[in-house]
Amino acid sequence: MNSDNREVDMTRQLNLRVEDEFAEKLERLSKKMGRPMAAVLEAIGTPAIEAAEADIEFEAEALAAWEEYELTGICDASATLDELFDQALVRAKAVAEKQRG
């Protein structure tokens, strides 16, 4: 188990090339938090990756809807669009909540 009481099945070593300034900031933050740099990077990176994935998914759904409209001239009712935006808002709030910890 890790410090978050989650089971860790497997870890993978990554060798990353980053700017010196980024590495120094990460090292300082790691020391302040008393956690390994990998744990800090994962804690910060996971919500950022999830947010980026949610943005990409939303953009793909919006583009598909636009293309369908362009091809058919048929658009969804405003209630359907409201539901799509509500779902996107729920996903965004969930990512924001994870970032706050």
PDB file of N, CA and C in Angstrom:
ATOM      1  N   MET A   1       0.846  -1.188   0.000  1.00  0.00           N
ATOM      2  CA  MET A   1       0.000   0.000   0.000  1.00  0.00           C
ATOM      3  C   MET A   1       0.883   1.240   0.000  1.00  0.00           C
ATOM      4  N   ASN A   2       0.362   2.315  -0.573  1.00  0.00           N
ATOM      5  CA  ASN A   2       1.115   3.559  -0.557  1.00  0.00           C
ATOM      6  C   ASN A   2       0.604   4.459   0.571  1.00  0.00           C
ATOM      7  N   SER A   3       1.104   5.680   0.635  1.00  0.00           N
ATOM      8  CA  SER A   3       0.739   6.579   1.738  1.00  0.00           C
ATOM      9  C   SER A   3      -0.724   6.994   1.716  1.00  0.00           C
ATOM     10  N   ASP A   4      -1.408   6.803   0.585  1.00  0.00           N
ATOM     11  CA  ASP A   4      -2.830   7.136   0.491  1.00  0.00           C
ATOM     12  C   ASP A   4      -3.711   5.932   0.812  1.00  0.00           C
ATOM     13  N   ASN A   5      -3.104   4.857   1.324  1.00  0.00           N
ATOM     14  CA  ASN A   5      -3.801   3.610   1.644  1.00  0.00           C
ATOM     15  C   ASN A   5      -4.454   2.976   0.426  1.00  0.00           C
ATOM     16  N   ARG A   6      -3.854   3.182  -0.731  1.00  0.00           N
ATOM     17  CA  ARG A   6      -4.306   2.525  -1.947  1.00  0.00           C
ATOM     18  C   ARG A   6      -3.318   1.423  -2.259  1.00  0.00           C
ATOM     19  N   GLU A   7      -3.841   0.300  -2.772  1.00  0.00           N
ATOM     20  CA  GLU A   7      -2.945  -0.758  -3.181  1.00  0.00           C
ATOM     21  C   GLU A   7      -2.230  -0.344  -4.457  1.00  0.00           C
ATOM     22  N   VAL A   8      -0.953  -0.640  -4.492  1.00  0.00           N
ATOM     23  CA  VAL A   8      -0.165  -0.344  -5.664  1.00  0.00           C
ATOM     24  C   VAL A   8       0.251  -1.675  -6.270  1.00  0.00           C
ATOM     25  N   ASP A   9      -0.318  -1.984  -7.433  1.00  0.00           N
ATOM     26  CA  ASP A   9      -0.012  -3.247  -8.071  1.00  0.00           C
ATOM     27  C   ASP A   9       1.359  -3.218  -8.718  1.00  0.00           C
ATOM     28  N   MET A  10       1.644  -2.149  -9.423  1.00  0.00           N
ATOM     29  CA  MET A  10       2.894  -2.096 -10.140  1.00  0.00           C
ATOM     30  C   MET A  10       3.283  -0.642 -10.348  1.00  0.00           C
ATOM     31  N   THR A  11       4.551  -0.392 -10.289  1.00  0.00           N
ATOM     32  CA  THR A  11       5.038   0.941 -10.628  1.00  0.00           C
ATOM     33  C   THR A  11       5.914   0.815 -11.852  1.00  0.00           C
ATOM     34  N   ARG A  12       6.117   1.932 -12.489  1.00  0.00           N
ATOM     35  CA  ARG A  12       6.915   1.953 -13.714  1.00  0.00           C
ATOM     36  C   ARG A  12       7.839   3.142 -13.652  1.00  0.00           C
ATOM     37  N   GLN A  13       9.082   2.917 -13.942  1.00  0.00           N
ATOM     38  CA  GLN A  13      10.057   3.998 -13.930  1.00  0.00           C
ATOM     39  C   GLN A  13       9.991   4.754 -15.237  1.00  0.00           C
ATOM     40  N   LEU A  14       9.934   6.075 -15.136  1.00  0.00           N
ATOM     41  CA  LEU A  14       9.956   6.939 -16.307  1.00  0.00           C
ATOM     42  C   LEU A  14      11.180   7.843 -16.218  1.00  0.00           C
ATOM     43  N   ASN A  15      11.867   7.970 -17.294  1.00  0.00           N
ATOM     44  CA  ASN A  15      12.982   8.916 -17.360  1.00  0.00           C
ATOM     45  C   ASN A  15      12.509  10.087 -18.196  1.00  0.00           C
ATOM     46  N   LEU A  16      12.401  11.240 -17.565  1.00  0.00           N
ATOM     47  CA  LEU A  16      11.893  12.425 -18.234  1.00  0.00           C
ATOM     48  C   LEU A  16      12.981  13.480 -18.326  1.00  0.00           C
ATOM     49  N   ARG A  17      12.989  14.201 -19.423  1.00  0.00           N
ATOM     50  CA  ARG A  17      13.895  15.339 -19.562  1.00  0.00           C
ATOM     51  C   ARG A  17      13.053  16.598 -19.389  1.00  0.00           C
ATOM     52  N   VAL A  18      13.375  17.373 -18.358  1.00  0.00           N
ATOM     53  CA  VAL A  18      12.642  18.607 -18.073  1.00  0.00           C
ATOM     54  C   VAL A  18      13.639  19.745 -17.911  1.00  0.00           C
ATOM     55  N   GLU A  19      13.124  20.953 -17.972  1.00  0.00           N
ATOM     56  CA  GLU A  19      13.965  22.127 -17.755  1.00  0.00           C
ATOM     57  C   GLU A  19      14.494  22.114 -16.318  1.00  0.00           C
ATOM     58  N   ASP A  20      15.675  22.646 -16.124  1.00  0.00           N
ATOM     59  CA  ASP A  20      16.279  22.698 -14.792  1.00  0.00           C
ATOM     60  C   ASP A  20      15.376  23.405 -13.787  1.00  0.00           C
ATOM     61  N   GLU A  21      14.755  24.499 -14.215  1.00  0.00           N
ATOM     62  CA  GLU A  21      13.890  25.271 -13.324  1.00  0.00           C
ATOM     63  C   GLU A  21      12.719  24.412 -12.825  1.00  0.00           C
ATOM     64  N   PHE A  22      12.116  23.645 -13.718  1.00  0.00           N
ATOM     65  CA  PHE A  22      11.012  22.756 -13.326  1.00  0.00           C
ATOM     66  C   PHE A  22      11.500  21.727 -12.312  1.00  0.00           C
ATOM     67  N   ALA A  23      12.639  21.115 -12.589  1.00  0.00           N
ATOM     68  CA  ALA A  23      13.184  20.099 -11.686  1.00  0.00           C
ATOM     69  C   ALA A  23      13.483  20.687 -10.307  1.00  0.00           C
ATOM     70  N   GLU A  24      14.023  21.889 -10.280  1.00  0.00           N
ATOM     71  CA  GLU A  24      14.335  22.546  -9.009  1.00  0.00           C
ATOM     72  C   GLU A  24      13.063  22.859  -8.220  1.00  0.00           C
ATOM     73  N   LYS A  25      12.036  23.345  -8.914  1.00  0.00           N
ATOM     74  CA  LYS A  25      10.762  23.633  -8.252  1.00  0.00           C
ATOM     75  C   LYS A  25      10.137  22.355  -7.700  1.00  0.00           C
ATOM     76  N   LEU A  26      10.184  21.293  -8.481  1.00  0.00           N
ATOM     77  CA  LEU A  26       9.634  20.018  -8.035  1.00  0.00           C
ATOM     78  C   LEU A  26      10.390  19.505  -6.814  1.00  0.00           C
ATOM     79  N   GLU A  27      11.690  19.625  -6.846  1.00  0.00           N
ATOM     80  CA  GLU A  27      12.503  19.171  -5.712  1.00  0.00           C
ATOM     81  C   GLU A  27      12.185  19.988  -4.454  1.00  0.00           C
ATOM     82  N   ARG A  28      12.058  21.318  -4.592  1.00  0.00           N
ATOM     83  CA  ARG A  28      11.722  22.169  -3.436  1.00  0.00           C
ATOM     84  C   ARG A  28      10.356  21.789  -2.869  1.00  0.00           C
ATOM     85  N   LEU A  29       9.380  21.632  -3.758  1.00  0.00           N
ATOM     86  CA  LEU A  29       8.036  21.277  -3.309  1.00  0.00           C
ATOM     87  C   LEU A  29       8.034  19.919  -2.625  1.00  0.00           C
ATOM     88  N   SER A  30       8.759  18.997  -3.179  1.00  0.00           N
ATOM     89  CA  SER A  30       8.861  17.657  -2.604  1.00  0.00           C
ATOM     90  C   SER A  30       9.419  17.717  -1.179  1.00  0.00           C
ATOM     91  N   LYS A  31      10.447  18.503  -0.996  1.00  0.00           N
ATOM     92  CA  LYS A  31      11.042  18.642   0.338  1.00  0.00           C
ATOM     93  C   LYS A  31      10.070  19.301   1.306  1.00  0.00           C
ATOM     94  N   LYS A  32       9.366  20.338   0.846  1.00  0.00           N
ATOM     95  CA  LYS A  32       8.394  21.019   1.712  1.00  0.00           C
ATOM     96  C   LYS A  32       7.269  20.084   2.129  1.00  0.00           C
ATOM     97  N   MET A  33       6.852  19.220   1.194  1.00  0.00           N
ATOM     98  CA  MET A  33       5.752  18.295   1.474  1.00  0.00           C
ATOM     99  C   MET A  33       6.219  17.040   2.200  1.00  0.00           C
ATOM    100  N   GLY A  34       7.516  16.815   2.198  1.00  0.00           N
ATOM    101  CA  GLY A  34       8.045  15.618   2.843  1.00  0.00           C
ATOM    102  C   GLY A  34       7.675  14.343   2.094  1.00  0.00           C
ATOM    103  N   ARG A  35       7.544  14.461   0.791  1.00  0.00           N
ATOM    104  CA  ARG A  35       7.166  13.307  -0.041  1.00  0.00           C
ATOM    105  C   ARG A  35       8.160  13.171  -1.185  1.00  0.00           C
ATOM    106  N   PRO A  36       8.317  11.978  -1.712  1.00  0.00           N
ATOM    107  CA  PRO A  36       9.216  11.798  -2.862  1.00  0.00           C
ATOM    108  C   PRO A  36       8.725  12.609  -4.064  1.00  0.00           C
ATOM    109  N   MET A  37       9.665  12.997  -4.905  1.00  0.00           N
ATOM    110  CA  MET A  37       9.303  13.784  -6.083  1.00  0.00           C
ATOM    111  C   MET A  37       8.294  13.044  -6.955  1.00  0.00           C
ATOM    112  N   ALA A  38       8.437  11.740  -7.090  1.00  0.00           N
ATOM    113  CA  ALA A  38       7.499  10.968  -7.918  1.00  0.00           C
ATOM    114  C   ALA A  38       6.083  11.064  -7.359  1.00  0.00           C
ATOM    115  N   ALA A  39       5.942  11.008  -6.030  1.00  0.00           N
ATOM    116  CA  ALA A  39       4.617  11.085  -5.413  1.00  0.00           C
ATOM    117  C   ALA A  39       4.003  12.469  -5.622  1.00  0.00           C
ATOM    118  N   VAL A  40       4.821  13.509  -5.510  1.00  0.00           N
ATOM    119  CA  VAL A  40       4.334  14.871  -5.718  1.00  0.00           C
ATOM    120  C   VAL A  40       3.915  15.057  -7.173  1.00  0.00           C
ATOM    121  N   LEU A  41       4.743  14.591  -8.092  1.00  0.00           N
ATOM    122  CA  LEU A  41       4.433  14.732  -9.510  1.00  0.00           C
ATOM    123  C   LEU A  41       3.163  13.965  -9.868  1.00  0.00           C
ATOM    124  N   GLU A  42       3.004  12.775  -9.295  1.00  0.00           N
ATOM    125  CA  GLU A  42       1.793  11.998  -9.564  1.00  0.00           C
ATOM    126  C   GLU A  42       0.559  12.676  -8.972  1.00  0.00           C
ATOM    127  N   ALA A  43       0.678  13.216  -7.759  1.00  0.00           N
ATOM    128  CA  ALA A  43      -0.462  13.883  -7.118  1.00  0.00           C
ATOM    129  C   ALA A  43      -0.898  15.115  -7.896  1.00  0.00           C
ATOM    130  N   ILE A  44       0.050  15.830  -8.434  1.00  0.00           N
ATOM    131  CA  ILE A  44      -0.265  17.030  -9.206  1.00  0.00           C
ATOM    132  C   ILE A  44      -0.666  16.665 -10.632  1.00  0.00           C
ATOM    133  N   GLY A  45       0.005  15.695 -11.203  1.00  0.00           N
ATOM    134  CA  GLY A  45      -0.215  15.343 -12.597  1.00  0.00           C
ATOM    135  C   GLY A  45      -1.510  14.604 -12.867  1.00  0.00           C
ATOM    136  N   THR A  46      -1.936  13.752 -11.950  1.00  0.00           N
ATOM    137  CA  THR A  46      -3.145  12.954 -12.179  1.00  0.00           C
ATOM    138  C   THR A  46      -4.371  13.832 -12.439  1.00  0.00           C
ATOM    139  N   PRO A  47      -4.669  14.816 -11.585  1.00  0.00           N
ATOM    140  CA  PRO A  47      -5.825  15.674 -11.882  1.00  0.00           C
ATOM    141  C   PRO A  47      -5.660  16.469 -13.182  1.00  0.00           C
ATOM    142  N   ALA A  48      -4.429  16.879 -13.486  1.00  0.00           N
ATOM    143  CA  ALA A  48      -4.190  17.628 -14.717  1.00  0.00           C
ATOM    144  C   ALA A  48      -4.444  16.740 -15.934  1.00  0.00           C
ATOM    145  N   ILE A  49      -4.026  15.486 -15.873  1.00  0.00           N
ATOM    146  CA  ILE A  49      -4.262  14.553 -16.974  1.00  0.00           C
ATOM    147  C   ILE A  49      -5.755  14.295 -17.123  1.00  0.00           C
ATOM    148  N   GLU A  50      -6.444  14.089 -16.001  1.00  0.00           N
ATOM    149  CA  GLU A  50      -7.890  13.858 -16.053  1.00  0.00           C
ATOM    150  C   GLU A  50      -8.624  15.059 -16.637  1.00  0.00           C
ATOM    151  N   ALA A  51      -8.198  16.263 -16.277  1.00  0.00           N
ATOM    152  CA  ALA A  51      -8.829  17.471 -16.818  1.00  0.00           C
ATOM    153  C   ALA A  51      -8.589  17.574 -18.318  1.00  0.00           C
ATOM    154  N   ALA A  52      -7.364  17.277 -18.752  1.00  0.00           N
ATOM    155  CA  ALA A  52      -7.053  17.338 -20.181  1.00  0.00           C
ATOM    156  C   ALA A  52      -7.867  16.303 -20.958  1.00  0.00           C
ATOM    157  N   GLU A  53      -8.001  15.101 -20.388  1.00  0.00           N
ATOM    158  CA  GLU A  53      -8.801  14.065 -21.041  1.00  0.00           C
ATOM    159  C   GLU A  53     -10.272  14.480 -21.136  1.00  0.00           C
ATOM    160  N   ALA A  54     -10.794  15.078 -20.071  1.00  0.00           N
ATOM    161  CA  ALA A  54     -12.190  15.540 -20.079  1.00  0.00           C
ATOM    162  C   ALA A  54     -12.383  16.636 -21.123  1.00  0.00           C
ATOM    163  N   ASP A  55     -11.420  17.550 -21.236  1.00  0.00           N
ATOM    164  CA  ASP A  55     -11.496  18.605 -22.249  1.00  0.00           C
ATOM    165  C   ASP A  55     -11.497  18.014 -23.658  1.00  0.00           C
ATOM    166  N   ILE A  56     -10.627  17.040 -23.893  1.00  0.00           N
ATOM    167  CA  ILE A  56     -10.540  16.411 -25.211  1.00  0.00           C
ATOM    168  C   ILE A  56     -11.846  15.698 -25.540  1.00  0.00           C
ATOM    169  N   GLU A  57     -12.410  14.998 -24.549  1.00  0.00           N
ATOM    170  CA  GLU A  57     -13.674  14.291 -24.761  1.00  0.00           C
ATOM    171  C   GLU A  57     -14.800  15.278 -25.073  1.00  0.00           C
ATOM    172  N   PHE A  58     -14.856  16.373 -24.324  1.00  0.00           N
ATOM    173  CA  PHE A  58     -15.891  17.382 -24.563  1.00  0.00           C
ATOM    174  C   PHE A  58     -15.752  17.978 -25.961  1.00  0.00           C
ATOM    175  N   GLU A  59     -14.523  18.313 -26.339  1.00  0.00           N
ATOM    176  CA  GLU A  59     -14.293  18.889 -27.668  1.00  0.00           C
ATOM    177  C   GLU A  59     -14.693  17.914 -28.768  1.00  0.00           C
ATOM    178  N   ALA A  60     -14.379  16.624 -28.583  1.00  0.00           N
ATOM    179  CA  ALA A  60     -14.744  15.619 -29.586  1.00  0.00           C
ATOM    180  C   ALA A  60     -16.258  15.498 -29.701  1.00  0.00           C
ATOM    181  N   GLU A  61     -16.956  15.506 -28.560  1.00  0.00           N
ATOM    182  CA  GLU A  61     -18.420  15.428 -28.580  1.00  0.00           C
ATOM    183  C   GLU A  61     -19.019  16.659 -29.254  1.00  0.00           C
ATOM    184  N   ALA A  62     -18.470  17.823 -28.972  1.00  0.00           N
ATOM    185  CA  ALA A  62     -18.976  19.056 -29.571  1.00  0.00           C
ATOM    186  C   ALA A  62     -18.726  19.067 -31.078  1.00  0.00           C
ATOM    187  N   LEU A  63     -17.538  18.634 -31.490  1.00  0.00           N
ATOM    188  CA  LEU A  63     -17.225  18.586 -32.913  1.00  0.00           C
ATOM    189  C   LEU A  63     -18.126  17.589 -33.637  1.00  0.00           C
ATOM    190  N   ALA A  64     -18.357  16.432 -33.037  1.00  0.00           N
ATOM    191  CA  ALA A  64     -19.237  15.432 -33.650  1.00  0.00           C
ATOM    192  C   ALA A  64     -20.651  15.986 -33.789  1.00  0.00           C
ATOM    193  N   ALA A  65     -21.131  16.684 -32.774  1.00  0.00           N
ATOM    194  CA  ALA A  65     -22.468  17.273 -32.834  1.00  0.00           C
ATOM    195  C   ALA A  65     -22.540  18.336 -33.932  1.00  0.00           C
ATOM    196  N   TRP A  66     -21.492  19.146 -34.054  1.00  0.00           N
ATOM    197  CA  TRP A  66     -21.467  20.179 -35.088  1.00  0.00           C
ATOM    198  C   TRP A  66     -21.450  19.547 -36.478  1.00  0.00           C
ATOM    199  N   GLU A  67     -20.621  18.520 -36.653  1.00  0.00           N
ATOM    200  CA  GLU A  67     -20.545  17.849 -37.948  1.00  0.00           C
ATOM    201  C   GLU A  67     -21.884  17.212 -38.315  1.00  0.00           C
ATOM    202  N   GLU A  68     -22.551  16.620 -37.337  1.00  0.00           N
ATOM    203  CA  GLU A  68     -23.863  16.027 -37.596  1.00  0.00           C
ATOM    204  C   GLU A  68     -24.858  17.108 -38.021  1.00  0.00           C
ATOM    205  N   TYR A  69     -24.813  18.242 -37.328  1.00  0.00           N
ATOM    206  CA  TYR A  69     -25.694  19.357 -37.699  1.00  0.00           C
ATOM    207  C   TYR A  69     -25.392  19.840 -39.117  1.00  0.00           C
ATOM    208  N   GLU A  70     -24.112  19.978 -39.446  1.00  0.00           N
ATOM    209  CA  GLU A  70     -23.717  20.440 -40.785  1.00  0.00           C
ATOM    210  C   GLU A  70     -24.206  19.477 -41.862  1.00  0.00           C
ATOM    211  N   LEU A  71     -24.161  18.178 -41.569  1.00  0.00           N
ATOM    212  CA  LEU A  71     -24.569  17.177 -42.555  1.00  0.00           C
ATOM    213  C   LEU A  71     -26.085  17.041 -42.675  1.00  0.00           C
ATOM    214  N   THR A  72     -26.782  17.137 -41.552  1.00  0.00           N
ATOM    215  CA  THR A  72     -28.217  16.846 -41.553  1.00  0.00           C
ATOM    216  C   THR A  72     -29.097  18.069 -41.415  1.00  0.00           C
ATOM    217  N   GLY A  73     -28.563  19.127 -40.839  1.00  0.00           N
ATOM    218  CA  GLY A  73     -29.378  20.302 -40.568  1.00  0.00           C
ATOM    219  C   GLY A  73     -30.263  20.122 -39.346  1.00  0.00           C
ATOM    220  N   ILE A  74     -30.157  18.967 -38.728  1.00  0.00           N
ATOM    221  CA  ILE A  74     -30.971  18.673 -37.546  1.00  0.00           C
ATOM    222  C   ILE A  74     -30.148  19.002 -36.308  1.00  0.00           C
ATOM    223  N   CYS A  75     -30.760  19.724 -35.408  1.00  0.00           N
ATOM    224  CA  CYS A  75     -30.054  20.041 -34.167  1.00  0.00           C
ATOM    225  C   CYS A  75     -30.829  19.465 -32.989  1.00  0.00           C
ATOM    226  N   ASP A  76     -30.107  19.286 -31.904  1.00  0.00           N
ATOM    227  CA  ASP A  76     -30.731  18.756 -30.702  1.00  0.00           C
ATOM    228  C   ASP A  76     -31.557  19.834 -30.024  1.00  0.00           C
ATOM    229  N   ALA A  77     -32.542  19.375 -29.285  1.00  0.00           N
ATOM    230  CA  ALA A  77     -33.351  20.302 -28.491  1.00  0.00           C
ATOM    231  C   ALA A  77     -32.477  20.930 -27.415  1.00  0.00           C
ATOM    232  N   SER A  78     -32.873  22.084 -26.963  1.00  0.00           N
ATOM    233  CA  SER A  78     -32.071  22.780 -25.959  1.00  0.00           C
ATOM    234  C   SER A  78     -31.923  21.962 -24.691  1.00  0.00           C
ATOM    235  N   ALA A  79     -32.915  21.154 -24.349  1.00  0.00           N
ATOM    236  CA  ALA A  79     -32.803  20.308 -23.149  1.00  0.00           C
ATOM    237  C   ALA A  79     -31.662  19.310 -23.298  1.00  0.00           C
ATOM    238  N   THR A  80     -31.480  18.774 -24.493  1.00  0.00           N
ATOM    239  CA  THR A  80     -30.384  17.835 -24.743  1.00  0.00           C
ATOM    240  C   THR A  80     -29.048  18.542 -24.613  1.00  0.00           C
ATOM    241  N   LEU A  81     -28.969  19.748 -25.172  1.00  0.00           N
ATOM    242  CA  LEU A  81     -27.733  20.517 -25.065  1.00  0.00           C
ATOM    243  C   LEU A  81     -27.443  20.898 -23.618  1.00  0.00           C
ATOM    244  N   ASP A  82     -28.478  21.288 -22.894  1.00  0.00           N
ATOM    245  CA  ASP A  82     -28.302  21.599 -21.474  1.00  0.00           C
ATOM    246  C   ASP A  82     -27.752  20.394 -20.722  1.00  0.00           C
ATOM    247  N   GLU A  83     -28.259  19.208 -21.055  1.00  0.00           N
ATOM    248  CA  GLU A  83     -27.786  17.990 -20.400  1.00  0.00           C
ATOM    249  C   GLU A  83     -26.311  17.735 -20.712  1.00  0.00           C
ATOM    250  N   LEU A  84     -25.900  17.961 -21.966  1.00  0.00           N
ATOM    251  CA  LEU A  84     -24.497  17.786 -22.334  1.00  0.00           C
ATOM    252  C   LEU A  84     -23.600  18.735 -21.540  1.00  0.00           C
ATOM    253  N   PHE A  85     -24.024  19.992 -21.447  1.00  0.00           N
ATOM    254  CA  PHE A  85     -23.231  20.958 -20.695  1.00  0.00           C
ATOM    255  C   PHE A  85     -23.245  20.642 -19.199  1.00  0.00           C
ATOM    256  N   ASP A  86     -24.370  20.166 -18.687  1.00  0.00           N
ATOM    257  CA  ASP A  86     -24.434  19.769 -17.277  1.00  0.00           C
ATOM    258  C   ASP A  86     -23.471  18.618 -16.989  1.00  0.00           C
ATOM    259  N   GLN A  87     -23.411  17.641 -17.906  1.00  0.00           N
ATOM    260  CA  GLN A  87     -22.483  16.526 -17.740  1.00  0.00           C
ATOM    261  C   GLN A  87     -21.040  17.016 -17.769  1.00  0.00           C
ATOM    262  N   ALA A  88     -20.733  17.932 -18.670  1.00  0.00           N
ATOM    263  CA  ALA A  88     -19.383  18.486 -18.750  1.00  0.00           C
ATOM    264  C   ALA A  88     -19.046  19.243 -17.474  1.00  0.00           C
ATOM    265  N   LEU A  89     -20.024  19.964 -16.929  1.00  0.00           N
ATOM    266  CA  LEU A  89     -19.805  20.703 -15.687  1.00  0.00           C
ATOM    267  C   LEU A  89     -19.553  19.750 -14.527  1.00  0.00           C
ATOM    268  N   VAL A  90     -20.296  18.660 -14.460  1.00  0.00           N
ATOM    269  CA  VAL A  90     -20.092  17.667 -13.400  1.00  0.00           C
ATOM    270  C   VAL A  90     -18.684  17.090 -13.493  1.00  0.00           C
ATOM    271  N   ARG A  91     -18.236  16.771 -14.727  1.00  0.00           N
ATOM    272  CA  ARG A  91     -16.882  16.239 -14.896  1.00  0.00           C
ATOM    273  C   ARG A  91     -15.837  17.269 -14.476  1.00  0.00           C
ATOM    274  N   ALA A  92     -16.041  18.520 -14.860  1.00  0.00           N
ATOM    275  CA  ALA A  92     -15.089  19.573 -14.506  1.00  0.00           C
ATOM    276  C   ALA A  92     -15.029  19.785 -13.002  1.00  0.00           C
ATOM    277  N   LYS A  93     -16.188  19.757 -12.341  1.00  0.00           N
ATOM    278  CA  LYS A  93     -16.204  19.921 -10.888  1.00  0.00           C
ATOM    279  C   LYS A  93     -15.516  18.761 -10.192  1.00  0.00           C
ATOM    280  N   ALA A  94     -15.693  17.547 -10.716  1.00  0.00           N
ATOM    281  CA  ALA A  94     -15.055  16.368 -10.111  1.00  0.00           C
ATOM    282  C   ALA A  94     -13.531  16.480 -10.218  1.00  0.00           C
ATOM    283  N   VAL A  95     -13.054  16.943 -11.357  1.00  0.00           N
ATOM    284  CA  VAL A  95     -11.615  17.121 -11.527  1.00  0.00           C
ATOM    285  C   VAL A  95     -11.114  18.210 -10.596  1.00  0.00           C
ATOM    286  N   ALA A  96     -11.846  19.315 -10.496  1.00  0.00           N
ATOM    287  CA  ALA A  96     -11.445  20.406  -9.608  1.00  0.00           C
ATOM    288  C   ALA A  96     -11.418  19.952  -8.154  1.00  0.00           C
ATOM    289  N   GLU A  97     -12.377  19.145  -7.766  1.00  0.00           N
ATOM    290  CA  GLU A  97     -12.445  18.640  -6.391  1.00  0.00           C
ATOM    291  C   GLU A  97     -11.243  17.737  -6.108  1.00  0.00           C
ATOM    292  N   LYS A  98     -10.860  16.913  -7.075  1.00  0.00           N
ATOM    293  CA  LYS A  98      -9.675  16.052  -6.895  1.00  0.00           C
ATOM    294  C   LYS A  98      -8.423  16.894  -6.735  1.00  0.00           C
ATOM    295  N   GLN A  99      -8.351  18.002  -7.470  1.00  0.00           N
ATOM    296  CA  GLN A  99      -7.179  18.865  -7.377  1.00  0.00           C
ATOM    297  C   GLN A  99      -7.071  19.497  -5.998  1.00  0.00           C
ATOM    298  N   ARG A 100      -8.216  19.809  -5.396  1.00  0.00           N
ATOM    299  CA  ARG A 100      -8.209  20.408  -4.055  1.00  0.00           C
ATOM    300  C   ARG A 100      -7.843  19.387  -2.999  1.00  0.00           C
ATOM    301  N   GLY A 101      -8.023  18.108  -3.343  1.00  0.00           N
ATOM    302  CA  GLY A 101      -7.614  17.029  -2.448  1.00  0.00           C
ATOM    303  C   GLY A 101      -8.606  16.774  -1.415  1.00  0.00           C
TER     304      GLY A 101
END
